[in-house]
Amino acid sequence: MRRALRLRGERRQLMTVEAEVLGELRRLRVRVPQLTGALAASTDGLVLADELSGGGTDIEPEGIAALTAAALGVSLRLADSTGRGGFRELLIRGEHGYVATYAAGGSAVLTVLAEPRINVGRLHLEARRSGARIGELVDAALERPENA
């Protein structure tokens, strides 16, 4: 019961940063026009903010957040079992483009979708910056007292 109450409080705190996180996602998409979507989620799969609409795709943010949490779990175990340290990023290249997930502080992740013609170095540079900013926002929200 206590765990459920704590999780409910954390979710409420995370929702207070939704507008700021959404703004960062939008700025990222402006800086990197080849992105077709972006999503910030908690490490347990809660959508914090998303920019996935448009482009003729029917991508469900909740589904992407859940898959991101699952991929994060596997990535954490793989990095740990191979002695590579903490999770930083995951890049998947598919026939029709890229899916990349970046650490965003201790409690969130940033997942982006990109066209196949993207400059991957530029993607990493800009997404890492946005991930760091989103991490700052989320971690600060979680550190605030719930009634503040």
N, C-alpha and C. Protein backbone atom coordinates (compact mmCIF):
# COMPACT_ATOMS: atom_id res chain seq x y z
N MET A 1 0.83 -1.20 0.00
CA MET A 1 0.00 0.00 0.00
C MET A 1 0.88 1.26 0.00
N ARG A 2 1.92 1.27 0.83
CA ARG A 2 2.81 2.43 0.89
C ARG A 2 3.48 2.67 -0.46
N ARG A 3 3.90 1.57 -1.10
CA ARG A 3 4.56 1.68 -2.41
C ARG A 3 3.59 2.29 -3.42
N ALA A 4 2.35 1.87 -3.40
CA ALA A 4 1.35 2.41 -4.33
C ALA A 4 1.14 3.90 -4.09
N LEU A 5 1.07 4.30 -2.83
CA LEU A 5 0.91 5.72 -2.52
C LEU A 5 2.13 6.53 -2.94
N ARG A 6 3.33 5.97 -2.73
CA ARG A 6 4.55 6.66 -3.14
C ARG A 6 4.58 6.82 -4.65
N LEU A 7 4.24 5.76 -5.38
CA LEU A 7 4.23 5.83 -6.84
C LEU A 7 3.21 6.84 -7.35
N ARG A 8 2.04 6.90 -6.73
CA ARG A 8 1.02 7.86 -7.11
C ARG A 8 1.53 9.29 -6.90
N GLY A 9 2.22 9.51 -5.78
CA GLY A 9 2.79 10.83 -5.51
C GLY A 9 3.86 11.20 -6.52
N GLU A 10 4.71 10.24 -6.88
CA GLU A 10 5.76 10.50 -7.87
C GLU A 10 5.14 10.83 -9.23
N ARG A 11 4.12 10.12 -9.61
CA ARG A 11 3.47 10.39 -10.90
C ARG A 11 2.88 11.79 -10.92
N ARG A 12 2.29 12.20 -9.81
CA ARG A 12 1.73 13.57 -9.72
C ARG A 12 2.85 14.59 -9.88
N GLN A 13 3.98 14.35 -9.21
CA GLN A 13 5.11 15.27 -9.31
C GLN A 13 5.65 15.33 -10.74
N LEU A 14 5.73 14.19 -11.40
CA LEU A 14 6.25 14.16 -12.77
C LEU A 14 5.34 14.91 -13.73
N MET A 15 4.05 14.86 -13.49
CA MET A 15 3.12 15.53 -14.40
C MET A 15 3.25 17.06 -14.32
N THR A 16 3.84 17.57 -13.25
CA THR A 16 4.01 19.01 -13.13
C THR A 16 5.04 19.57 -14.10
N VAL A 17 5.90 18.73 -14.65
CA VAL A 17 6.93 19.19 -15.58
C VAL A 17 6.57 18.92 -17.04
N GLU A 18 5.35 18.44 -17.27
CA GLU A 18 4.95 18.05 -18.63
C GLU A 18 5.15 19.17 -19.65
N ALA A 19 4.73 20.39 -19.34
CA ALA A 19 4.85 21.49 -20.31
C ALA A 19 6.30 21.81 -20.63
N GLU A 20 7.15 21.79 -19.61
CA GLU A 20 8.56 22.08 -19.84
C GLU A 20 9.24 20.98 -20.66
N VAL A 21 8.90 19.75 -20.37
CA VAL A 21 9.48 18.62 -21.12
C VAL A 21 8.97 18.65 -22.56
N LEU A 22 7.70 18.93 -22.75
CA LEU A 22 7.15 19.04 -24.09
C LEU A 22 7.85 20.14 -24.88
N GLY A 23 8.12 21.26 -24.24
CA GLY A 23 8.86 22.33 -24.89
C GLY A 23 10.24 21.88 -25.34
N GLU A 24 10.91 21.11 -24.52
CA GLU A 24 12.24 20.60 -24.89
C GLU A 24 12.14 19.63 -26.07
N LEU A 25 11.12 18.79 -26.08
CA LEU A 25 10.92 17.88 -27.22
C LEU A 25 10.69 18.65 -28.51
N ARG A 26 9.90 19.70 -28.43
CA ARG A 26 9.63 20.52 -29.62
C ARG A 26 10.88 21.24 -30.10
N ARG A 27 11.68 21.75 -29.18
CA ARG A 27 12.93 22.40 -29.57
C ARG A 27 13.89 21.41 -30.22
N LEU A 28 13.93 20.20 -29.71
CA LEU A 28 14.77 19.15 -30.30
C LEU A 28 14.33 18.87 -31.73
N ARG A 29 13.04 18.78 -31.96
CA ARG A 29 12.54 18.50 -33.31
C ARG A 29 12.82 19.65 -34.27
N VAL A 30 12.88 20.87 -33.76
CA VAL A 30 13.24 22.02 -34.61
C VAL A 30 14.73 21.94 -34.96
N ARG A 31 15.57 21.61 -33.98
CA ARG A 31 17.01 21.52 -34.22
C ARG A 31 17.39 20.36 -35.13
N VAL A 32 16.60 19.29 -35.10
CA VAL A 32 16.89 18.11 -35.90
C VAL A 32 15.63 17.78 -36.73
N PRO A 33 15.50 18.40 -37.91
CA PRO A 33 14.28 18.24 -38.70
C PRO A 33 14.00 16.81 -39.18
N GLN A 34 15.01 15.95 -39.19
CA GLN A 34 14.81 14.57 -39.63
C GLN A 34 14.17 13.69 -38.56
N LEU A 35 13.90 14.25 -37.39
CA LEU A 35 13.19 13.49 -36.37
C LEU A 35 11.71 13.43 -36.76
N THR A 36 11.14 12.25 -36.63
CA THR A 36 9.72 12.09 -36.93
C THR A 36 8.89 11.95 -35.66
N GLY A 37 9.55 11.92 -34.52
CA GLY A 37 8.85 11.83 -33.26
C GLY A 37 9.81 11.84 -32.09
N ALA A 38 9.28 12.21 -30.93
CA ALA A 38 10.07 12.22 -29.70
C ALA A 38 9.14 11.98 -28.52
N LEU A 39 9.67 11.28 -27.53
CA LEU A 39 8.87 10.96 -26.36
C LEU A 39 9.77 10.94 -25.13
N ALA A 40 9.30 11.52 -24.05
CA ALA A 40 9.98 11.43 -22.76
C ALA A 40 9.10 10.57 -21.86
N ALA A 41 9.73 9.62 -21.18
CA ALA A 41 8.98 8.72 -20.31
C ALA A 41 9.77 8.46 -19.04
N SER A 42 9.05 8.06 -18.00
CA SER A 42 9.74 7.63 -16.79
C SER A 42 10.35 6.26 -17.08
N THR A 43 11.29 5.86 -16.28
CA THR A 43 11.96 4.59 -16.51
C THR A 43 11.02 3.40 -16.32
N ASP A 44 9.87 3.62 -15.68
CA ASP A 44 8.90 2.53 -15.54
C ASP A 44 7.80 2.57 -16.60
N GLY A 45 7.94 3.46 -17.60
CA GLY A 45 7.03 3.44 -18.74
C GLY A 45 5.88 4.42 -18.72
N LEU A 46 5.91 5.41 -17.84
CA LEU A 46 4.87 6.45 -17.79
C LEU A 46 5.23 7.56 -18.78
N VAL A 47 4.33 7.89 -19.69
CA VAL A 47 4.57 8.97 -20.64
C VAL A 47 4.59 10.29 -19.89
N LEU A 48 5.68 11.05 -20.06
CA LEU A 48 5.77 12.38 -19.47
C LEU A 48 5.32 13.44 -20.47
N ALA A 49 5.74 13.29 -21.71
CA ALA A 49 5.35 14.19 -22.79
C ALA A 49 5.73 13.52 -24.10
N ASP A 50 4.99 13.85 -25.17
CA ASP A 50 5.34 13.26 -26.46
C ASP A 50 5.05 14.20 -27.61
N GLU A 51 5.81 14.00 -28.66
CA GLU A 51 5.69 14.69 -29.94
C GLU A 51 5.69 13.62 -31.02
N LEU A 52 4.70 12.73 -30.97
CA LEU A 52 4.66 11.60 -31.89
C LEU A 52 3.60 11.75 -32.96
N SER A 53 2.71 12.70 -32.81
CA SER A 53 1.63 12.85 -33.79
C SER A 53 2.15 13.47 -35.08
N GLY A 54 1.41 13.25 -36.12
CA GLY A 54 1.78 13.80 -37.43
C GLY A 54 2.56 12.80 -38.24
N GLY A 55 2.86 13.17 -39.44
CA GLY A 55 3.63 12.31 -40.32
C GLY A 55 2.86 11.09 -40.79
N GLY A 56 1.53 11.08 -40.58
CA GLY A 56 0.72 9.97 -41.05
C GLY A 56 0.91 8.68 -40.28
N THR A 57 1.46 8.74 -39.08
CA THR A 57 1.68 7.53 -38.30
C THR A 57 0.68 7.45 -37.16
N ASP A 58 0.32 6.24 -36.81
CA ASP A 58 -0.59 5.99 -35.69
C ASP A 58 0.20 5.36 -34.56
N ILE A 59 1.14 6.08 -34.03
CA ILE A 59 1.99 5.58 -32.96
C ILE A 59 1.37 5.96 -31.62
N GLU A 60 1.16 4.97 -30.78
CA GLU A 60 0.59 5.19 -29.45
C GLU A 60 1.70 5.51 -28.47
N PRO A 61 1.69 6.69 -27.86
CA PRO A 61 2.75 7.05 -26.90
C PRO A 61 2.88 6.05 -25.75
N GLU A 62 1.76 5.56 -25.24
CA GLU A 62 1.82 4.63 -24.11
C GLU A 62 2.53 3.33 -24.50
N GLY A 63 2.27 2.85 -25.73
CA GLY A 63 2.92 1.65 -26.21
C GLY A 63 4.42 1.84 -26.38
N ILE A 64 4.81 2.99 -26.92
CA ILE A 64 6.24 3.29 -27.10
C ILE A 64 6.92 3.43 -25.75
N ALA A 65 6.24 4.07 -24.79
CA ALA A 65 6.82 4.22 -23.44
C ALA A 65 7.00 2.85 -22.78
N ALA A 66 6.03 1.96 -22.95
CA ALA A 66 6.14 0.62 -22.36
C ALA A 66 7.27 -0.17 -23.02
N LEU A 67 7.37 -0.09 -24.34
CA LEU A 67 8.46 -0.78 -25.04
C LEU A 67 9.82 -0.20 -24.67
N THR A 68 9.86 1.11 -24.49
CA THR A 68 11.10 1.76 -24.07
C THR A 68 11.53 1.25 -22.69
N ALA A 69 10.57 1.13 -21.77
CA ALA A 69 10.89 0.63 -20.43
C ALA A 69 11.41 -0.81 -20.51
N ALA A 70 10.81 -1.62 -21.37
CA ALA A 70 11.27 -3.00 -21.52
C ALA A 70 12.68 -3.04 -22.12
N ALA A 71 12.91 -2.23 -23.16
CA ALA A 71 14.24 -2.18 -23.79
C ALA A 71 15.28 -1.65 -22.80
N LEU A 72 14.87 -0.69 -21.98
CA LEU A 72 15.77 -0.15 -20.97
C LEU A 72 16.19 -1.23 -19.99
N GLY A 73 15.23 -2.05 -19.56
CA GLY A 73 15.55 -3.13 -18.63
C GLY A 73 16.58 -4.09 -19.21
N VAL A 74 16.39 -4.47 -20.47
CA VAL A 74 17.34 -5.37 -21.14
C VAL A 74 18.69 -4.67 -21.30
N SER A 75 18.67 -3.42 -21.70
CA SER A 75 19.92 -2.66 -21.90
C SER A 75 20.70 -2.53 -20.60
N LEU A 76 20.01 -2.26 -19.51
CA LEU A 76 20.67 -2.15 -18.20
C LEU A 76 21.35 -3.46 -17.83
N ARG A 77 20.64 -4.55 -18.02
CA ARG A 77 21.22 -5.86 -17.69
C ARG A 77 22.40 -6.19 -18.58
N LEU A 78 22.28 -5.89 -19.87
CA LEU A 78 23.37 -6.17 -20.81
C LEU A 78 24.61 -5.34 -20.48
N ALA A 79 24.41 -4.05 -20.25
CA ALA A 79 25.54 -3.18 -19.91
C ALA A 79 26.20 -3.63 -18.60
N ASP A 80 25.38 -3.99 -17.63
CA ASP A 80 25.91 -4.42 -16.34
C ASP A 80 26.66 -5.75 -16.46
N SER A 81 26.06 -6.71 -17.15
CA SER A 81 26.69 -8.04 -17.23
C SER A 81 27.95 -8.05 -18.09
N THR A 82 28.13 -7.05 -18.93
CA THR A 82 29.35 -6.97 -19.74
C THR A 82 30.35 -5.97 -19.18
N GLY A 83 30.03 -5.42 -18.01
CA GLY A 83 30.95 -4.49 -17.36
C GLY A 83 31.08 -3.15 -18.06
N ARG A 84 30.05 -2.72 -18.74
CA ARG A 84 30.11 -1.46 -19.49
C ARG A 84 29.56 -0.26 -18.73
N GLY A 85 29.17 -0.46 -17.49
CA GLY A 85 28.69 0.66 -16.68
C GLY A 85 27.21 0.93 -16.86
N GLY A 86 26.81 2.11 -16.40
CA GLY A 86 25.41 2.50 -16.44
C GLY A 86 24.91 2.79 -17.85
N PHE A 87 23.61 2.71 -18.02
CA PHE A 87 22.98 2.95 -19.32
C PHE A 87 23.16 4.40 -19.75
N ARG A 88 23.50 4.59 -21.00
CA ARG A 88 23.61 5.92 -21.59
C ARG A 88 22.67 6.07 -22.79
N GLU A 89 22.73 5.09 -23.73
CA GLU A 89 21.88 5.20 -24.92
C GLU A 89 21.76 3.87 -25.63
N LEU A 90 20.73 3.78 -26.45
CA LEU A 90 20.45 2.59 -27.26
C LEU A 90 20.04 3.08 -28.64
N LEU A 91 20.64 2.53 -29.69
CA LEU A 91 20.33 2.93 -31.06
C LEU A 91 19.90 1.70 -31.86
N ILE A 92 18.75 1.80 -32.49
CA ILE A 92 18.24 0.73 -33.33
C ILE A 92 18.07 1.30 -34.74
N ARG A 93 18.65 0.60 -35.71
CA ARG A 93 18.52 1.01 -37.10
C ARG A 93 17.62 0.01 -37.80
N GLY A 94 16.50 0.49 -38.31
CA GLY A 94 15.57 -0.35 -39.05
C GLY A 94 15.57 0.03 -40.53
N GLU A 95 14.82 -0.69 -41.30
CA GLU A 95 14.73 -0.41 -42.74
C GLU A 95 14.27 1.01 -43.04
N HIS A 96 13.40 1.53 -42.18
CA HIS A 96 12.77 2.82 -42.44
C HIS A 96 13.24 3.92 -41.50
N GLY A 97 14.36 3.72 -40.84
CA GLY A 97 14.87 4.76 -39.98
C GLY A 97 15.39 4.24 -38.66
N TYR A 98 15.52 5.15 -37.72
CA TYR A 98 16.15 4.86 -36.43
C TYR A 98 15.18 5.07 -35.27
N VAL A 99 15.42 4.30 -34.23
CA VAL A 99 14.82 4.53 -32.92
C VAL A 99 15.99 4.61 -31.97
N ALA A 100 16.05 5.69 -31.20
CA ALA A 100 17.16 5.87 -30.26
C ALA A 100 16.58 6.25 -28.90
N THR A 101 17.16 5.68 -27.86
CA THR A 101 16.76 5.99 -26.49
C THR A 101 17.98 6.47 -25.73
N TYR A 102 17.80 7.55 -24.99
CA TYR A 102 18.89 8.18 -24.24
C TYR A 102 18.49 8.32 -22.78
N ALA A 103 19.47 8.14 -21.90
CA ALA A 103 19.24 8.38 -20.48
C ALA A 103 18.88 9.85 -20.29
N ALA A 104 17.94 10.10 -19.40
CA ALA A 104 17.53 11.48 -19.09
C ALA A 104 17.45 11.59 -17.57
N GLY A 105 18.60 11.76 -16.96
CA GLY A 105 18.66 11.79 -15.51
C GLY A 105 18.50 10.39 -14.94
N GLY A 106 18.16 10.33 -13.68
CA GLY A 106 18.03 9.04 -13.01
C GLY A 106 16.67 8.41 -13.10
N SER A 107 15.66 9.16 -13.58
CA SER A 107 14.30 8.66 -13.53
C SER A 107 13.56 8.70 -14.86
N ALA A 108 14.22 9.12 -15.92
CA ALA A 108 13.52 9.27 -17.20
C ALA A 108 14.41 8.88 -18.37
N VAL A 109 13.76 8.68 -19.52
CA VAL A 109 14.45 8.40 -20.77
C VAL A 109 13.82 9.21 -21.88
N LEU A 110 14.61 9.47 -22.89
CA LEU A 110 14.16 10.16 -24.10
C LEU A 110 14.25 9.18 -25.24
N THR A 111 13.16 8.99 -25.97
CA THR A 111 13.16 8.12 -27.14
C THR A 111 12.80 8.97 -28.35
N VAL A 112 13.59 8.84 -29.41
CA VAL A 112 13.35 9.60 -30.63
C VAL A 112 13.25 8.66 -31.82
N LEU A 113 12.47 9.08 -32.79
CA LEU A 113 12.33 8.35 -34.05
C LEU A 113 12.90 9.25 -35.13
N ALA A 114 13.68 8.67 -36.04
CA ALA A 114 14.36 9.48 -37.05
C ALA A 114 14.29 8.82 -38.43
N GLU A 115 14.35 9.67 -39.43
CA GLU A 115 14.38 9.20 -40.82
C GLU A 115 15.70 8.48 -41.09
N PRO A 116 15.74 7.62 -42.11
CA PRO A 116 16.98 6.90 -42.40
C PRO A 116 18.11 7.80 -42.87
N ARG A 117 17.80 8.98 -43.39
CA ARG A 117 18.84 9.87 -43.92
C ARG A 117 19.47 10.78 -42.86
N ILE A 118 19.13 10.59 -41.60
CA ILE A 118 19.64 11.47 -40.54
C ILE A 118 21.15 11.29 -40.36
N ASN A 119 21.79 12.36 -39.98
CA ASN A 119 23.20 12.32 -39.58
C ASN A 119 23.21 11.81 -38.13
N VAL A 120 23.66 10.59 -37.93
CA VAL A 120 23.58 9.96 -36.61
C VAL A 120 24.42 10.71 -35.57
N GLY A 121 25.54 11.26 -35.99
CA GLY A 121 26.36 12.06 -35.06
C GLY A 121 25.59 13.26 -34.55
N ARG A 122 24.88 13.94 -35.45
CA ARG A 122 24.06 15.10 -35.06
C ARG A 122 22.92 14.66 -34.16
N LEU A 123 22.31 13.52 -34.48
CA LEU A 123 21.25 12.97 -33.65
C LEU A 123 21.75 12.76 -32.23
N HIS A 124 22.90 12.10 -32.09
CA HIS A 124 23.45 11.87 -30.75
C HIS A 124 23.74 13.17 -30.02
N LEU A 125 24.37 14.11 -30.69
CA LEU A 125 24.72 15.38 -30.07
C LEU A 125 23.50 16.10 -29.51
N GLU A 126 22.50 16.27 -30.35
CA GLU A 126 21.31 17.02 -29.94
C GLU A 126 20.44 16.26 -28.95
N ALA A 127 20.29 14.95 -29.16
CA ALA A 127 19.44 14.17 -28.25
C ALA A 127 20.08 14.02 -26.87
N ARG A 128 21.39 13.91 -26.82
CA ARG A 128 22.07 13.86 -25.52
C ARG A 128 21.84 15.16 -24.75
N ARG A 129 21.92 16.28 -25.44
CA ARG A 129 21.66 17.57 -24.79
C ARG A 129 20.24 17.64 -24.27
N SER A 130 19.29 17.24 -25.10
CA SER A 130 17.89 17.27 -24.67
C SER A 130 17.64 16.29 -23.54
N GLY A 131 18.25 15.12 -23.61
CA GLY A 131 18.12 14.15 -22.53
C GLY A 131 18.63 14.69 -21.21
N ALA A 132 19.75 15.39 -21.26
CA ALA A 132 20.30 15.99 -20.04
C ALA A 132 19.34 17.04 -19.47
N ARG A 133 18.77 17.86 -20.34
CA ARG A 133 17.84 18.91 -19.89
C ARG A 133 16.58 18.29 -19.31
N ILE A 134 16.05 17.29 -19.99
CA ILE A 134 14.85 16.61 -19.49
C ILE A 134 15.16 15.94 -18.15
N GLY A 135 16.31 15.34 -18.04
CA GLY A 135 16.72 14.73 -16.78
C GLY A 135 16.76 15.73 -15.65
N GLU A 136 17.30 16.91 -15.92
CA GLU A 136 17.33 17.97 -14.90
C GLU A 136 15.92 18.34 -14.46
N LEU A 137 15.02 18.50 -15.40
CA LEU A 137 13.64 18.88 -15.09
C LEU A 137 12.94 17.81 -14.26
N VAL A 138 13.06 16.57 -14.69
CA VAL A 138 12.38 15.47 -14.01
C VAL A 138 12.97 15.23 -12.63
N ASP A 139 14.28 15.18 -12.54
CA ASP A 139 14.92 14.93 -11.24
C ASP A 139 14.58 16.05 -10.25
N ALA A 140 14.54 17.30 -10.74
CA ALA A 140 14.20 18.42 -9.86
C ALA A 140 12.74 18.30 -9.37
N ALA A 141 11.85 17.88 -10.27
CA ALA A 141 10.44 17.71 -9.87
C ALA A 141 10.30 16.63 -8.82
N LEU A 142 11.07 15.57 -8.93
CA LEU A 142 10.97 14.48 -7.96
C LEU A 142 11.60 14.84 -6.61
N GLU A 143 12.54 15.78 -6.63
CA GLU A 143 13.19 16.20 -5.39
C GLU A 143 12.33 17.18 -4.59
N ARG A 144 11.40 17.86 -5.28
CA ARG A 144 10.53 18.82 -4.59
C ARG A 144 9.58 18.10 -3.67
N PRO A 145 9.31 18.70 -2.52
CA PRO A 145 8.27 18.12 -1.65
C PRO A 145 6.95 18.11 -2.40
N GLU A 146 6.14 17.07 -2.18
CA GLU A 146 4.89 16.91 -2.94
C GLU A 146 3.94 18.08 -2.78
N ASN A 147 3.92 18.71 -1.64
CA ASN A 147 2.98 19.82 -1.41
C ASN A 147 3.55 21.18 -1.76
N ALA A 148 4.75 21.22 -2.35
CA ALA A 148 5.36 22.51 -2.67
C ALA A 148 4.73 23.13 -3.88
